[in-house]
C-alpha cells in the first residue's frame, strides 16, 4: 500500500475543531480508510493531530490512557473543550439579526446566513433562509418583486436577486459610459453682449465719479465751511458776491477765484464728458443745495465767453 500523505496538525488559533474533524474524515476518504475500525481511526488521528492536541487529549481522558480510550469518547471531549455546543435560542437570535450589509452581494449574504443557521436546528432551513433574504434584502425594488411571487422558493429568490444585481451593475456601467457624451457644451458669449456690458460699466463709472465729487464736496463743507461764490468760510447765502457775475464764465453767483470753468474758447458744455450727460438722466443723484451750487457752472447750458478783443 502506498504511504499516506500526512494531515497537517490541528491549529486551534486558525481553524475550528469542526473544520479539522471534517478534514480528518476527508483524509480517511482520500486514502480509502473510511471502512477501517474505530481503533485504527483513533490511532491515525492521535498520530496526525500534533503534540498540542495529543497532550490535551491525554489530559481530557485521564486517568485512562488515551490510546485505550474509545474513538467516540475522544472526539466528544475534544469538541466540548474547544467549542461547547451553543444554545439553540442564542443561535437563532444571531440568525434573525444577521442583516445584509451595505455593498454585500446576495451570494455572500446567503452564505453568511447558512453559517449562522448551523446551530439553529431549523426543521425547514430553506424556508428560514428564504424568509431572511426576502425580508432583509436592501434593494426595495427587488424586495417588491419577490413579495408578489406566489410560489417563491429559496432557489428562485437567489436567482432573482443575483439577476437584479447584475442588471444594476450593467445599468451603472452604461450610464457611466454615456455620461460624457451627454455633457452640455458651454454657451459662447457674443461680442455684442460684451460690448453692452462694457458700455453699462462705463456709465456706472461716470455716475460713481459724479457721486464721489459730490460726496467729497459735502464732506469738505462739513469739515471746514467754504463759500462756493468766493471761497470764504461762510455760507453762500451770506456771501457779498452772491449776485456778482463771473468775468470768466459770465455766470452769476461767484467770482473768478472759485470759477470751475477751463480758460479756453471751448463752449462750456463740451468740457463735460458725453457719457456723463447720457448717464445722469438714467441714474438719479441726490445733491444738497450747496453741492448743486458748486456743480451748476459745470453742467450749465452752452455759453461762449465774451469776446474781449
Protein backbone atom coordinates (compact mmCIF):
# COMPACT_ATOMS: atom_id res chain seq x y z
CA UNK A 1 0.00 0.00 0.00
CA UNK A 2 1.30 3.48 -0.85
CA UNK A 3 2.42 5.67 2.05
CA UNK A 4 -0.25 8.03 3.41
CA UNK A 5 0.06 11.76 2.83
CA UNK A 6 0.31 13.29 6.32
CA UNK A 7 -2.51 15.53 7.54
CA UNK A 8 -1.31 18.91 8.89
CA UNK A 9 -1.69 19.16 12.68
CA UNK A 10 -4.64 20.94 14.24
CA UNK A 11 -4.12 24.70 14.81
CA UNK A 12 -6.86 25.97 17.17
CA UNK A 13 -5.89 29.61 16.57
CA UNK A 14 -6.68 29.45 12.85
CA UNK A 15 -9.14 26.56 12.48
CA UNK A 16 -12.25 25.34 14.29
CA UNK A 17 -12.42 21.84 15.70
CA UNK A 18 -15.38 21.04 13.41
CA UNK A 19 -13.31 22.04 10.40
CA UNK A 20 -10.36 19.90 11.46
CA UNK A 21 -12.53 16.85 12.17
CA UNK A 22 -14.16 17.31 8.77
CA UNK A 23 -10.72 17.43 7.15
CA UNK A 24 -9.77 14.26 9.03
CA UNK A 25 -12.82 12.49 7.55
CA UNK A 26 -11.78 13.74 4.09
CA UNK A 27 -8.31 12.41 4.75
CA UNK A 28 -9.76 8.98 5.53
CA UNK A 29 -11.84 9.06 2.34
CA UNK A 30 -8.91 10.13 0.18
CA UNK A 31 -6.86 7.24 1.46
CA UNK A 32 -9.74 4.72 1.34
CA UNK A 33 -9.78 4.35 5.12
CA UNK A 34 -13.42 5.07 5.88
CA UNK A 35 -14.17 1.40 6.42
CA UNK A 36 -11.34 0.79 8.88
CA UNK A 37 -12.02 0.12 12.52
CA UNK A 38 -12.51 2.91 15.06
CA UNK A 39 -9.36 1.78 16.81
CA UNK A 40 -7.35 2.48 13.66
CA UNK A 41 -9.09 5.85 13.17
CA UNK A 42 -8.15 6.74 16.75
CA UNK A 43 -4.54 5.82 16.10
CA UNK A 44 -4.40 7.80 12.86
CA UNK A 45 -5.92 10.88 14.46
CA UNK A 46 -3.61 10.86 17.50
CA UNK A 47 -0.63 10.40 15.21
CA UNK A 48 -1.56 13.31 12.92
CA UNK A 49 -3.17 15.88 15.25
CA UNK A 50 0.11 17.30 16.56
CA UNK A 51 1.71 17.39 20.02
CA UNK A 52 -0.55 20.13 21.44
CA UNK A 53 -3.80 18.29 20.69
CA UNK A 54 -2.29 14.96 21.75
CA UNK A 55 -1.37 16.32 25.21
CA UNK A 56 -4.84 17.85 25.55
CA UNK A 57 -6.50 14.52 24.66
CA UNK A 58 -4.40 12.75 27.31
CA UNK A 59 -5.47 15.27 29.95
CA UNK A 60 -9.15 15.08 29.00
CA UNK A 61 -9.37 11.29 29.27
CA UNK A 62 -7.12 10.89 32.34
CA UNK A 63 -6.68 8.73 34.29
CA UNK A 64 -7.40 6.41 31.37
CA UNK A 65 -4.75 6.01 28.74
CA UNK A 66 -5.58 7.94 25.60
CA UNK A 67 -4.59 5.06 23.34
CA UNK A 68 -7.14 2.84 25.14
CA UNK A 69 -10.00 5.36 25.19
CA UNK A 70 -12.76 4.80 22.60
CA UNK A 71 -12.54 7.00 19.49
CA UNK A 72 -16.04 8.43 20.00
CA UNK A 73 -15.16 9.50 23.56
CA UNK A 74 -12.01 11.30 22.41
CA UNK A 75 -13.98 13.19 19.73
CA UNK A 76 -16.70 14.24 22.17
CA UNK A 77 -14.26 15.53 24.79
CA UNK A 78 -12.25 17.50 22.24
CA UNK A 79 -15.42 19.02 20.76
CA UNK A 80 -16.74 20.12 24.15
CA UNK A 81 -13.38 21.55 25.12
CA UNK A 82 -12.76 23.70 22.06
CA UNK A 83 -16.31 24.83 21.37
CA UNK A 84 -19.16 23.82 23.65
CA UNK A 85 -22.45 23.36 21.85
CA UNK A 86 -24.10 26.79 21.64
CA UNK A 87 -27.63 27.46 22.75
CA UNK A 88 -30.21 26.95 20.03
CA UNK A 89 -32.06 30.08 21.13
CA UNK A 90 -28.88 32.18 21.03
CA UNK A 91 -28.01 30.80 17.60
CA UNK A 92 -31.46 31.66 16.25
CA UNK A 93 -31.25 35.14 17.72
CA UNK A 94 -28.00 35.71 15.84
CA UNK A 95 -29.56 34.28 12.68
CA UNK A 96 -32.58 36.58 12.77
CA UNK A 97 -30.40 39.62 13.43
CA UNK A 98 -28.00 38.96 10.56
CA UNK A 99 -28.95 41.66 8.05
CA UNK A 100 -27.47 42.30 4.63
CA UNK A 101 -24.64 44.81 4.90
CA UNK A 102 -24.26 47.72 2.52
CA UNK A 103 -22.47 46.57 -0.62
CA UNK A 104 -22.74 42.88 0.35
CA UNK A 105 -23.72 40.64 -2.56
CA UNK A 106 -26.68 38.31 -2.26
CA UNK A 107 -24.40 35.27 -2.58
CA UNK A 108 -22.20 36.42 0.31
CA UNK A 109 -25.27 37.25 2.37
CA UNK A 110 -26.78 33.80 1.75
CA UNK A 111 -23.52 32.13 2.78
CA UNK A 112 -23.41 34.18 5.99
CA UNK A 113 -27.00 33.14 6.78
CA UNK A 114 -26.16 29.49 6.22
CA UNK A 115 -23.23 29.75 8.63
CA UNK A 116 -25.40 31.48 11.23
CA UNK A 117 -28.02 28.71 10.91
CA UNK A 118 -25.64 25.83 11.58
CA UNK A 119 -26.70 25.50 15.24
CA UNK A 120 -30.28 26.74 14.90
CA UNK A 121 -31.73 23.26 14.30
CA UNK A 122 -34.39 24.53 11.90
CA UNK A 123 -36.83 21.91 10.66
CA UNK A 124 -37.02 23.69 7.29
CA UNK A 125 -33.76 25.51 6.69
CA UNK A 126 -34.60 26.58 3.12
CA UNK A 127 -37.73 28.43 4.19
CA UNK A 128 -35.88 30.13 7.03
CA UNK A 129 -33.17 31.31 4.64
CA UNK A 130 -35.73 32.48 2.06
CA UNK A 131 -37.61 34.49 4.68
CA UNK A 132 -34.46 36.30 5.75
CA UNK A 133 -33.47 37.09 2.17
CA UNK A 134 -36.89 38.48 1.24
CA UNK A 135 -37.34 40.47 4.44
CA UNK A 136 -33.83 41.91 4.76
CA UNK A 137 -32.62 42.48 1.19
CA UNK A 138 -31.52 46.12 0.83
CA UNK A 139 -32.89 46.64 -2.71
CA UNK A 140 -36.51 47.75 -2.18
CA UNK A 141 -37.43 47.14 -5.84
CA UNK A 142 -36.11 43.57 -5.65
CA UNK A 143 -37.98 43.03 -2.40
CA UNK A 144 -41.28 44.08 -4.00
CA UNK A 145 -40.78 41.68 -6.90
CA UNK A 146 -40.04 38.81 -4.52
CA UNK A 147 -43.09 39.55 -2.38
CA UNK A 148 -45.55 39.32 -5.28
CA UNK A 149 -44.29 35.93 -6.49
CA UNK A 150 -46.88 33.30 -5.41
CA UNK A 151 -44.67 30.18 -5.42
CA UNK A 152 -41.36 31.58 -4.30
CA UNK A 153 -38.60 29.19 -3.25
CA UNK A 154 -35.11 29.75 -1.90
CA UNK A 155 -33.54 28.92 -5.25
CA UNK A 156 -35.87 31.28 -7.15
CA UNK A 157 -35.25 34.07 -4.66
CA UNK A 158 -31.46 33.73 -5.02
CA UNK A 159 -31.66 33.61 -8.83
CA UNK A 160 -33.88 36.70 -8.92
CA UNK A 161 -31.57 38.58 -6.57
CA UNK A 162 -28.41 37.66 -8.50
CA UNK A 163 -30.03 38.72 -11.80
CA UNK A 164 -31.14 42.02 -10.24
CA UNK A 165 -27.62 42.77 -9.00
CA UNK A 166 -26.18 42.05 -12.45
CA UNK A 167 -28.76 44.35 -14.08
CA UNK A 168 -27.94 47.18 -11.67
CA UNK A 169 -24.21 46.87 -12.38
CA UNK A 170 -24.80 46.85 -16.14
CA UNK A 171 -27.03 49.92 -15.95
CA UNK A 172 -24.40 51.78 -13.93
CA UNK A 173 -21.69 50.93 -16.46
CA UNK A 174 -23.88 52.07 -19.38
CA UNK A 175 -24.75 55.32 -17.61
CA UNK A 176 -21.11 55.96 -16.76
CA UNK A 177 -20.04 55.37 -20.37
CA UNK A 178 -22.75 57.61 -21.84
CA UNK A 179 -22.41 60.48 -19.36
CA UNK A 180 -19.51 62.27 -21.15
CA UNK A 181 -21.47 62.40 -24.43
CA UNK A 182 -24.47 63.95 -22.70
CA UNK A 183 -22.50 66.76 -21.10
CA UNK A 184 -23.62 70.19 -22.25
CA UNK A 185 -21.26 72.38 -24.25
CA UNK A 186 -20.55 75.86 -22.87
CA UNK A 187 -22.66 78.61 -24.46
CA UNK A 188 -20.44 81.08 -26.40
CA UNK A 189 -20.53 84.70 -25.28
CA UNK A 190 -21.30 87.09 -28.14
CA UNK A 191 -19.28 90.25 -28.68
CA UNK A 192 -22.46 92.32 -28.70
CA UNK A 193 -23.24 91.22 -25.16
CA UNK A 194 -19.74 92.04 -24.04
CA UNK A 195 -19.99 95.50 -25.65
CA UNK A 196 -23.30 96.15 -23.91
CA UNK A 197 -21.87 95.14 -20.56
CA UNK A 198 -18.83 97.28 -21.18
CA UNK A 199 -20.95 100.32 -22.03
CA UNK A 200 -23.07 99.80 -18.93
CA UNK A 201 -19.91 99.56 -16.85
CA UNK A 202 -18.64 102.84 -18.30
CA UNK A 203 -21.91 104.59 -17.50
CA UNK A 204 -21.79 103.28 -13.94
CA UNK A 205 -18.22 104.55 -13.60
CA UNK A 206 -19.31 108.04 -14.70
CA UNK A 207 -22.16 108.14 -12.22
CA UNK A 208 -19.91 106.85 -9.45
CA UNK A 209 -17.39 109.58 -10.31
CA UNK A 210 -20.09 112.25 -10.05
CA UNK A 211 -21.30 110.85 -6.75
CA UNK A 212 -17.72 110.85 -5.49
CA UNK A 213 -17.23 114.51 -6.40
CA UNK A 214 -20.48 115.48 -4.68
CA UNK A 215 -19.63 113.45 -1.61
CA UNK A 216 -16.14 114.97 -1.47
CA UNK A 217 -17.56 118.50 -1.64
CA UNK A 218 -20.18 117.74 1.02
CA UNK A 219 -17.55 116.29 3.36
CA UNK A 220 -15.36 119.33 2.79
CA UNK A 221 -18.28 121.62 3.59
CA UNK A 222 -18.95 119.77 6.84
CA UNK A 223 -15.34 119.82 7.96
CA UNK A 224 -14.50 123.45 7.04
CA UNK A 225 -17.29 125.66 5.58
CA UNK A 226 -16.29 127.17 2.24
CA UNK A 227 -18.42 129.53 0.15
CA UNK A 228 -18.99 128.40 -3.44
CA UNK A 229 -19.22 132.04 -4.51
CA UNK A 230 -15.91 133.38 -3.21
CA UNK A 231 -14.16 130.58 -1.29
CA UNK A 232 -14.60 132.20 2.10
CA UNK A 233 -15.51 130.50 5.36
CA UNK A 234 -19.20 131.30 5.34
CA UNK A 235 -22.38 130.09 3.71
CA UNK A 236 -23.32 131.13 0.16
CA UNK A 237 -26.43 132.93 1.44
CA UNK A 238 -24.24 135.38 3.41
CA UNK A 239 -21.71 135.93 0.60
CA UNK A 240 -21.42 139.51 -0.66
CA UNK A 241 -20.65 138.14 -4.15
CA UNK A 242 -23.82 136.10 -4.45
CA UNK A 243 -25.13 138.46 -7.17
CA UNK A 244 -21.75 139.01 -8.82
CA UNK A 245 -21.13 137.97 -12.44
CA UNK A 246 -18.01 135.92 -13.12
CA UNK A 247 -15.65 137.56 -15.65
CA UNK A 248 -14.55 134.11 -16.85
CA UNK A 249 -17.81 132.25 -17.47
CA UNK A 250 -20.34 135.14 -17.23
CA UNK A 251 -22.38 133.18 -14.69
CA UNK A 252 -24.00 134.88 -11.70
CA UNK A 253 -23.21 133.85 -8.14
CA UNK A 254 -19.41 133.55 -7.97
CA UNK A 255 -16.18 135.29 -8.83
CA UNK A 256 -13.15 134.27 -10.90
CA UNK A 257 -11.33 132.99 -7.82
CA UNK A 258 -13.60 129.95 -7.48
CA UNK A 259 -14.70 129.54 -11.11
CA UNK A 260 -14.52 125.92 -12.24
CA UNK A 261 -14.58 126.69 -15.98
CA UNK A 262 -11.49 125.98 -18.11
CA UNK A 263 -9.81 129.14 -19.53
CA UNK A 264 -10.37 128.40 -23.21
CA UNK A 265 -12.64 129.33 -26.12
CA UNK A 266 -14.31 125.95 -25.92
CA UNK A 267 -18.01 126.10 -25.07
CA UNK A 268 -18.59 125.03 -21.51
CA UNK A 269 -20.95 122.20 -22.43
CA UNK A 270 -18.15 120.48 -24.38
CA UNK A 271 -15.99 120.28 -21.28
CA UNK A 272 -18.34 117.77 -19.71
CA UNK A 273 -17.97 114.07 -20.51
CA UNK A 274 -20.56 112.82 -23.07
CA UNK A 275 -21.02 109.68 -21.02
CA UNK A 276 -21.81 111.85 -18.00
CA UNK A 277 -24.67 113.59 -19.88
CA UNK A 278 -26.02 110.24 -21.06
CA UNK A 279 -25.86 108.63 -17.65
CA UNK A 280 -27.18 111.39 -15.40
CA UNK A 281 -30.83 111.24 -16.64
CA UNK A 282 -30.92 107.47 -16.04
CA UNK A 283 -29.02 107.38 -12.76
CA UNK A 284 -30.52 109.89 -10.31
CA UNK A 285 -28.06 111.51 -7.87
CA UNK A 286 -29.33 113.19 -4.73
CA UNK A 287 -27.49 116.51 -4.20
CA UNK A 288 -27.60 119.01 -1.41
CA UNK A 289 -28.28 122.70 -2.23
CA UNK A 290 -24.64 123.53 -1.56
CA UNK A 291 -23.43 120.80 -3.92
CA UNK A 292 -25.86 121.98 -6.61
CA UNK A 293 -24.46 125.50 -6.39
CA UNK A 294 -20.96 124.08 -6.69
CA UNK A 295 -21.66 121.90 -9.73
CA UNK A 296 -24.10 124.18 -11.54
CA UNK A 297 -21.45 126.00 -13.61
CA UNK A 298 -20.07 122.69 -14.88
CA UNK A 299 -23.44 121.36 -16.04
CA UNK A 300 -24.81 124.63 -17.46
CA UNK A 301 -26.12 125.12 -20.99
CA UNK A 302 -23.61 126.05 -23.73
CA UNK A 303 -22.34 129.59 -23.20
CA UNK A 304 -19.46 131.19 -25.05
CA UNK A 305 -17.02 133.54 -23.41
CA UNK A 306 -17.19 137.27 -24.12
CA UNK A 307 -15.08 138.50 -26.89
CA UNK A 308 -12.70 140.88 -25.13
CA UNK A 309 -10.79 141.78 -28.26
